[in-house]
C-alpha atoms as a PDB file:
ATOM      1  CA  MET A   1       0.000   0.000   0.000  1.00  0.00           C
ATOM      2  CA  SER A   2       1.404   3.388  -0.895  1.00  0.00           C
ATOM      3  CA  PHE A   3       0.671   6.657   0.760  1.00  0.00           C
ATOM      4  CA  ILE A   4      -0.422   9.617  -1.273  1.00  0.00           C
ATOM      5  CA  VAL A   5       1.388  12.834  -0.566  1.00  0.00           C
ATOM      6  CA  PHE A   6      -0.737  15.935  -1.021  1.00  0.00           C
ATOM      7  CA  CYS A   7       1.009  19.040  -2.159  1.00  0.00           C
ATOM      8  CA  PHE A   8      -0.582  22.168  -0.748  1.00  0.00           C
ATOM      9  CA  ASP A   9       0.492  25.733  -1.265  1.00  0.00           C
ATOM     10  CA  THR A  10       3.268  26.476   1.250  1.00  0.00           C
ATOM     11  CA  ALA A  11       1.889  29.939   2.093  1.00  0.00           C
ATOM     12  CA  LEU A  12      -1.479  28.329   2.807  1.00  0.00           C
ATOM     13  CA  LEU A  13       0.135  25.713   5.061  1.00  0.00           C
ATOM     14  CA  THR A  14       2.115  28.413   6.884  1.00  0.00           C
ATOM     15  CA  SER A  15      -1.013  30.489   7.572  1.00  0.00           C
ATOM     16  CA  LEU A  16      -3.227  27.537   8.533  1.00  0.00           C
ATOM     17  CA  PRO A  17      -1.911  26.936  12.090  1.00  0.00           C
ATOM     18  CA  SER A  18      -2.471  30.607  12.973  1.00  0.00           C
ATOM     19  CA  ALA A  19      -6.027  30.593  11.537  1.00  0.00           C
ATOM     20  CA  LEU A  20      -7.012  27.315  13.229  1.00  0.00           C
ATOM     21  CA  GLY A  21      -5.521  28.481  16.538  1.00  0.00           C
ATOM     22  CA  LYS A  22      -8.200  31.193  16.809  1.00  0.00           C
ATOM     23  CA  GLU A  23     -11.857  30.741  17.744  1.00  0.00           C
ATOM     24  CA  PRO A  24     -14.139  30.799  14.659  1.00  0.00           C
ATOM     25  CA  ALA A  25     -15.763  34.025  15.898  1.00  0.00           C
ATOM     26  CA  GLY A  26     -12.363  35.660  16.448  1.00  0.00           C
ATOM     27  CA  ARG A  27     -10.993  34.929  12.978  1.00  0.00           C
ATOM     28  CA  GLY A  28     -10.515  37.654  10.499  1.00  0.00           C
ATOM     29  CA  THR A  29     -11.303  37.690   6.778  1.00  0.00           C
ATOM     30  CA  PHE A  30      -7.861  36.366   5.868  1.00  0.00           C
ATOM     31  CA  ASP A  31      -8.214  33.516   8.377  1.00  0.00           C
ATOM     32  CA  HIS A  32     -11.634  32.626   6.901  1.00  0.00           C
ATOM     33  CA  VAL A  33     -10.136  32.647   3.389  1.00  0.00           C
ATOM     34  CA  VAL A  34      -7.278  30.346   4.496  1.00  0.00           C
ATOM     35  CA  VAL A  35      -9.662  27.895   6.218  1.00  0.00           C
ATOM     36  CA  LYS A  36     -12.049  28.007   3.223  1.00  0.00           C
ATOM     37  CA  GLN A  37      -9.224  27.300   0.754  1.00  0.00           C
ATOM     38  CA  VAL A  38      -7.961  24.387   2.886  1.00  0.00           C
ATOM     39  CA  GLU A  39     -11.518  22.992   3.138  1.00  0.00           C
ATOM     40  CA  ASP A  40     -11.983  23.347  -0.632  1.00  0.00           C
ATOM     41  CA  GLU A  41      -8.638  21.663  -1.322  1.00  0.00           C
ATOM     42  CA  LEU A  42      -9.491  18.841   1.099  1.00  0.00           C
ATOM     43  CA  GLN A  43     -12.916  18.384  -0.561  1.00  0.00           C
ATOM     44  CA  LYS A  44     -11.214  18.273  -3.958  1.00  0.00           C
ATOM     45  CA  ARG A  45      -8.711  15.653  -2.758  1.00  0.00           C
ATOM     46  CA  LEU A  46     -11.490  13.677  -1.067  1.00  0.00           C
ATOM     47  CA  ALA A  47     -13.437  13.622  -4.344  1.00  0.00           C
ATOM     48  CA  GLU A  48     -10.328  12.379  -6.177  1.00  0.00           C
ATOM     49  CA  LEU A  49      -9.786   9.614  -3.618  1.00  0.00           C
ATOM     50  CA  THR A  50     -13.455   8.642  -3.751  1.00  0.00           C
ATOM     51  CA  GLU A  51     -13.228   8.428  -7.530  1.00  0.00           C
ATOM     52  CA  THR A  52     -10.034   6.345  -7.293  1.00  0.00           C
ATOM     53  CA  LEU A  53     -11.720   3.991  -4.817  1.00  0.00           C
ATOM     54  CA  ALA A  54     -14.793   3.690  -7.040  1.00  0.00           C
ATOM     55  CA  ALA A  55     -12.609   2.941 -10.069  1.00  0.00           C
ATOM     56  CA  GLY A  56     -10.768   0.233  -8.106  1.00  0.00           C
ATOM     57  CA  ALA A  57     -13.961  -1.425  -6.808  1.00  0.00           C
ATOM     58  CA  PRO A  58     -14.161  -4.099  -9.554  1.00  0.00           C
ATOM     59  CA  GLU A  59     -10.527  -5.010  -9.004  1.00  0.00           C
ATOM     60  CA  ARG A  60     -11.106  -5.074  -5.249  1.00  0.00           C
ATOM     61  CA  GLU A  61     -14.092  -7.396  -5.738  1.00  0.00           C
ATOM     62  CA  ALA A  62     -12.051  -9.639  -8.040  1.00  0.00           C
ATOM     63  CA  ARG A  63      -9.274  -9.801  -5.439  1.00  0.00           C
ATOM     64  CA  ALA A  64     -11.817 -10.502  -2.705  1.00  0.00           C
ATOM     65  CA  GLN A  65     -13.237 -13.339  -4.815  1.00  0.00           C
ATOM     66  CA  LYS A  66      -9.729 -14.727  -5.352  1.00  0.00           C
ATOM     67  CA  VAL A  67      -9.135 -14.510  -1.609  1.00  0.00           C
ATOM     68  CA  SER A  68     -12.342 -16.419  -0.878  1.00  0.00           C
ATOM     69  CA  ILE A  69     -11.433 -19.074  -3.483  1.00  0.00           C
ATOM     70  CA  ALA A  70      -7.950 -19.351  -1.986  1.00  0.00           C
ATOM     71  CA  ALA A  71      -9.446 -19.667   1.504  1.00  0.00           C
ATOM     72  CA  ALA A  72     -11.739 -22.465   0.292  1.00  0.00           C
ATOM     73  CA  GLN A  73      -8.785 -24.196  -1.374  1.00  0.00           C
ATOM     74  CA  LYS A  74      -6.802 -23.819   1.822  1.00  0.00           C
ATOM     75  CA  GLU A  75      -9.582 -25.461   3.833  1.00  0.00           C
ATOM     76  CA  ALA A  76      -9.847 -28.269   1.274  1.00  0.00           C
ATOM     77  CA  ALA A  77      -6.078 -28.716   1.441  1.00  0.00           C
ATOM     78  CA  LYS A  78      -6.256 -28.875   5.246  1.00  0.00           C
ATOM     79  CA  VAL A  79      -8.915 -31.581   5.044  1.00  0.00           C
ATOM     80  CA  LYS A  80      -6.928 -33.479   2.417  1.00  0.00           C
ATOM     81  CA  ASP A  81      -3.757 -33.080   4.479  1.00  0.00           C
ATOM     82  CA  ALA A  82      -5.485 -34.467   7.555  1.00  0.00           C
ATOM     83  CA  ALA A  83      -6.855 -37.399   5.547  1.00  0.00           C
ATOM     84  CA  THR A  84      -3.449 -38.030   3.991  1.00  0.00           C
ATOM     85  CA  LYS A  85      -1.771 -37.955   7.401  1.00  0.00           C
ATOM     86  CA  GLU A  86      -4.360 -40.401   8.717  1.00  0.00           C
ATOM     87  CA  ALA A  87      -3.837 -42.677   5.697  1.00  0.00           C
ATOM     88  CA  ALA A  88      -0.061 -42.490   6.163  1.00  0.00           C
ATOM     89  CA  LYS A  89      -0.472 -43.367   9.830  1.00  0.00           C
ATOM     90  CA  ALA A  90      -2.653 -46.341   8.894  1.00  0.00           C
ATOM     91  CA  ALA A  91      -0.121 -47.406   6.250  1.00  0.00           C
ATOM     92  CA  VAL A  92       2.704 -47.289   8.803  1.00  0.00           C
ATOM     93  CA  GLU A  93       0.642 -49.402  11.191  1.00  0.00           C
ATOM     94  CA  ALA A  94      -0.147 -51.854   8.380  1.00  0.00           C
ATOM     95  CA  GLN A  95       3.537 -52.014   7.484  1.00  0.00           C
ATOM     96  CA  LYS A  96       4.442 -52.752  11.106  1.00  0.00           C
ATOM     97  CA  ALA A  97       1.826 -55.503  11.191  1.00  0.00           C
ATOM     98  CA  ALA A  98       3.126 -56.922   7.898  1.00  0.00           C
ATOM     99  CA  VAL A  99       6.716 -56.918   9.183  1.00  0.00           C
ATOM    100  CA  ALA A 100       5.596 -58.687  12.355  1.00  0.00           C
ATOM    101  CA  ALA A 101       3.674 -61.247  10.278  1.00  0.00           C
ATOM    102  CA  GLU A 102       6.716 -61.749   8.047  1.00  0.00           C
ATOM    103  CA  LYS A 103       8.932 -62.340  11.084  1.00  0.00           C
ATOM    104  CA  ALA A 104       6.423 -64.815  12.507  1.00  0.00           C
ATOM    105  CA  ALA A 105       6.213 -66.638   9.167  1.00  0.00           C
ATOM    106  CA  ALA A 106      10.013 -66.746   8.874  1.00  0.00           C
ATOM    107  CA  LYS A 107      10.240 -68.131  12.396  1.00  0.00           C
ATOM    108  CA  ALA A 108       7.580 -70.741  11.632  1.00  0.00           C
ATOM    109  CA  LEU A 109       9.386 -71.652   8.402  1.00  0.00           C
ATOM    110  CA  LYS A 110      12.665 -71.970  10.255  1.00  0.00           C
ATOM    111  CA  ALA A 111      10.998 -74.198  12.850  1.00  0.00           C
ATOM    112  CA  LEU A 112       9.434 -76.225  10.040  1.00  0.00           C
ATOM    113  CA  GLY A 113      12.843 -76.945   8.460  1.00  0.00           C
ATOM    114  CA  PRO A 114      13.874 -79.826  10.761  1.00  0.00           C
ATOM    115  CA  GLU A 115      10.370 -81.267  10.617  1.00  0.00           C
ATOM    116  CA  MET A 116      10.495 -81.163   6.805  1.00  0.00           C
ATOM    117  CA  LYS A 117      13.900 -82.891   6.842  1.00  0.00           C
ATOM    118  CA  ALA A 118      12.544 -85.602   9.117  1.00  0.00           C
ATOM    119  CA  THR A 119       9.472 -85.986   6.910  1.00  0.00           C
ATOM    120  CA  ALA A 120      11.659 -86.171   3.783  1.00  0.00           C
ATOM    121  CA  ALA A 121      13.855 -88.818   5.405  1.00  0.00           C
ATOM    122  CA  GLU A 122      10.763 -90.785   6.438  1.00  0.00           C
ATOM    123  CA  LEU A 123       9.398 -90.493   2.886  1.00  0.00           C
ATOM    124  CA  LYS A 124      12.680 -91.767   1.449  1.00  0.00           C
ATOM    125  CA  SER A 125      12.693 -94.674   3.884  1.00  0.00           C
ATOM    126  CA  ASN A 126       9.076 -95.502   3.061  1.00  0.00           C
ATOM    127  CA  LYS A 127       9.815 -95.381  -0.688  1.00  0.00           C
ATOM    128  CA  GLU A 128      12.748 -97.745  -0.215  1.00  0.00           C
ATOM    129  CA  GLY A 129      10.546-100.048   1.865  1.00  0.00           C
ATOM    130  CA  LEU A 130       7.873 -99.951  -0.827  1.00  0.00           C
ATOM    131  CA  GLU A 131      10.425-100.781  -3.508  1.00  0.00           C
ATOM    132  CA  ASP A 132      11.741-103.678  -1.429  1.00  0.00           C
ATOM    133  CA  PHE A 133       8.156-104.865  -0.944  1.00  0.00           C
ATOM    134  CA  LYS A 134       7.448-104.657  -4.690  1.00  0.00           C
ATOM    135  CA  THR A 135      10.585-106.584  -5.657  1.00  0.00           C
ATOM    136  CA  GLY A 136      10.337-109.110  -2.840  1.00  0.00           C
ATOM    137  CA  VAL A 137       7.056-110.083  -1.241  1.00  0.00           C
ATOM    138  CA  LEU A 138       4.697-108.669  -3.855  1.00  0.00           C
ATOM    139  CA  GLN A 139       6.620-110.249  -6.723  1.00  0.00           C
ATOM    140  CA  SER A 140       6.557-113.630  -5.001  1.00  0.00           C
ATOM    141  CA  PHE A 141       2.859-113.252  -4.277  1.00  0.00           C
ATOM    142  CA  THR A 142       2.149-112.309  -7.895  1.00  0.00           C
ATOM    143  CA  GLU A 143       4.059-115.345  -9.139  1.00  0.00           C
ATOM    144  CA  LEU A 144       2.113-117.583  -6.790  1.00  0.00           C
ATOM    145  CA  VAL A 145      -1.201-116.113  -7.875  1.00  0.00           C
ATOM    146  CA  GLU A 146      -0.367-116.591 -11.527  1.00  0.00           C
ATOM    147  CA  ARG A 147       0.811-120.138 -11.042  1.00  0.00           C
ATOM    148  CA  SER A 148      -1.839-122.820 -11.344  1.00  0.00           C
ATOM    149  CA  SER A 149      -2.282-125.164  -8.396  1.00  0.00           C
ATOM    150  CA  VAL A 150      -3.617-127.922 -10.666  1.00  0.00           C
ATOM    151  CA  VAL A 151      -0.889-130.142 -11.974  1.00  0.00           C
ATOM    152  CA  PRO A 152      -1.496-130.812 -15.648  1.00  0.00           C
ATOM    153  CA  GLU A 153      -2.058-134.466 -16.462  1.00  0.00           C
ATOM    154  CA  VAL A 154       0.540-136.069 -18.570  1.00  0.00           C
ATOM    155  CA  ALA A 155      -1.115-137.857 -21.456  1.00  0.00           C
ATOM    156  CA  PRO A 156      -0.402-141.626 -21.242  1.00  0.00           C
ATOM    157  CA  GLU A 157       1.454-142.914 -24.149  1.00  0.00           C
ATOM    158  CA  GLU A 158      -0.659-145.024 -26.402  1.00  0.00           C
ATOM    159  CA  PRO A 159       0.060-148.804 -26.321  1.00  0.00           C
ATOM    160  CA  ALA A 160      -0.766-149.058 -30.006  1.00  0.00           C
ATOM    161  CA  ALA A 161       2.427-147.405 -30.786  1.00  0.00           C
ATOM    162  CA  GLU A 162       4.233-150.137 -28.884  1.00  0.00           C
ATOM    163  CA  ALA A 163       2.231-152.866 -30.612  1.00  0.00           C
ATOM    164  CA  PRO A 164       3.663-152.348 -34.049  1.00  0.00           C
ATOM    165  CA  ALA A 165       7.035-152.492 -32.523  1.00  0.00           C
ATOM    166  CA  ALA A 166       6.134-155.815 -30.822  1.00  0.00           C
ATOM    167  CA  GLU A 167       4.778-157.250 -34.022  1.00  0.00           C
ATOM    168  CA  ALA A 168       7.893-156.466 -35.827  1.00  0.00           C
ATOM    169  CA  PRO A 169      10.019-158.878 -33.756  1.00  0.00           C
ATOM    170  CA  ALA A 170       7.325-161.567 -34.195  1.00  0.00           C
ATOM    171  CA  ALA A 171       7.416-161.287 -37.929  1.00  0.00           C
ATOM    172  CA  ALA A 172      11.087-161.737 -37.839  1.00  0.00           C
ATOM    173  CA  SER A 173      10.781-165.125 -36.170  1.00  0.00           C
END
């Protein structure tokens, strides 16, 4: 904001304190002229300032509107800032919970390691036992099941085949 400096006539300003120092009834014609000129000059300057203010009214209203918009934006930013801070706080808490869960899972996994080794060893042993069973007992059982318990009869040899051989020595006699 700048101040406006009014330039008055120096003779008028020199005479003014003397004229204003006297009672209005005790002032002379010169004193009345000095006071009248100062009043007229002040009225003129007041009219100029009033005109300047009136000319600046639209700009003042535009600035006031910008100020109100900025104030609304500031309030919206405050609300958004508060919400963002709350979300950040929740995210930090969620991160802490996730880190704790990760540590618990890592601990459980570490504890599960020996159990998994024991289970793997047991599985290997069971597979070896199964393989032994398949090649030993099961194979023998399968062979026994496939084998017939009925002994096949051997066909007796026919005596007729012997008879021609017996007749042959008789014919030779």
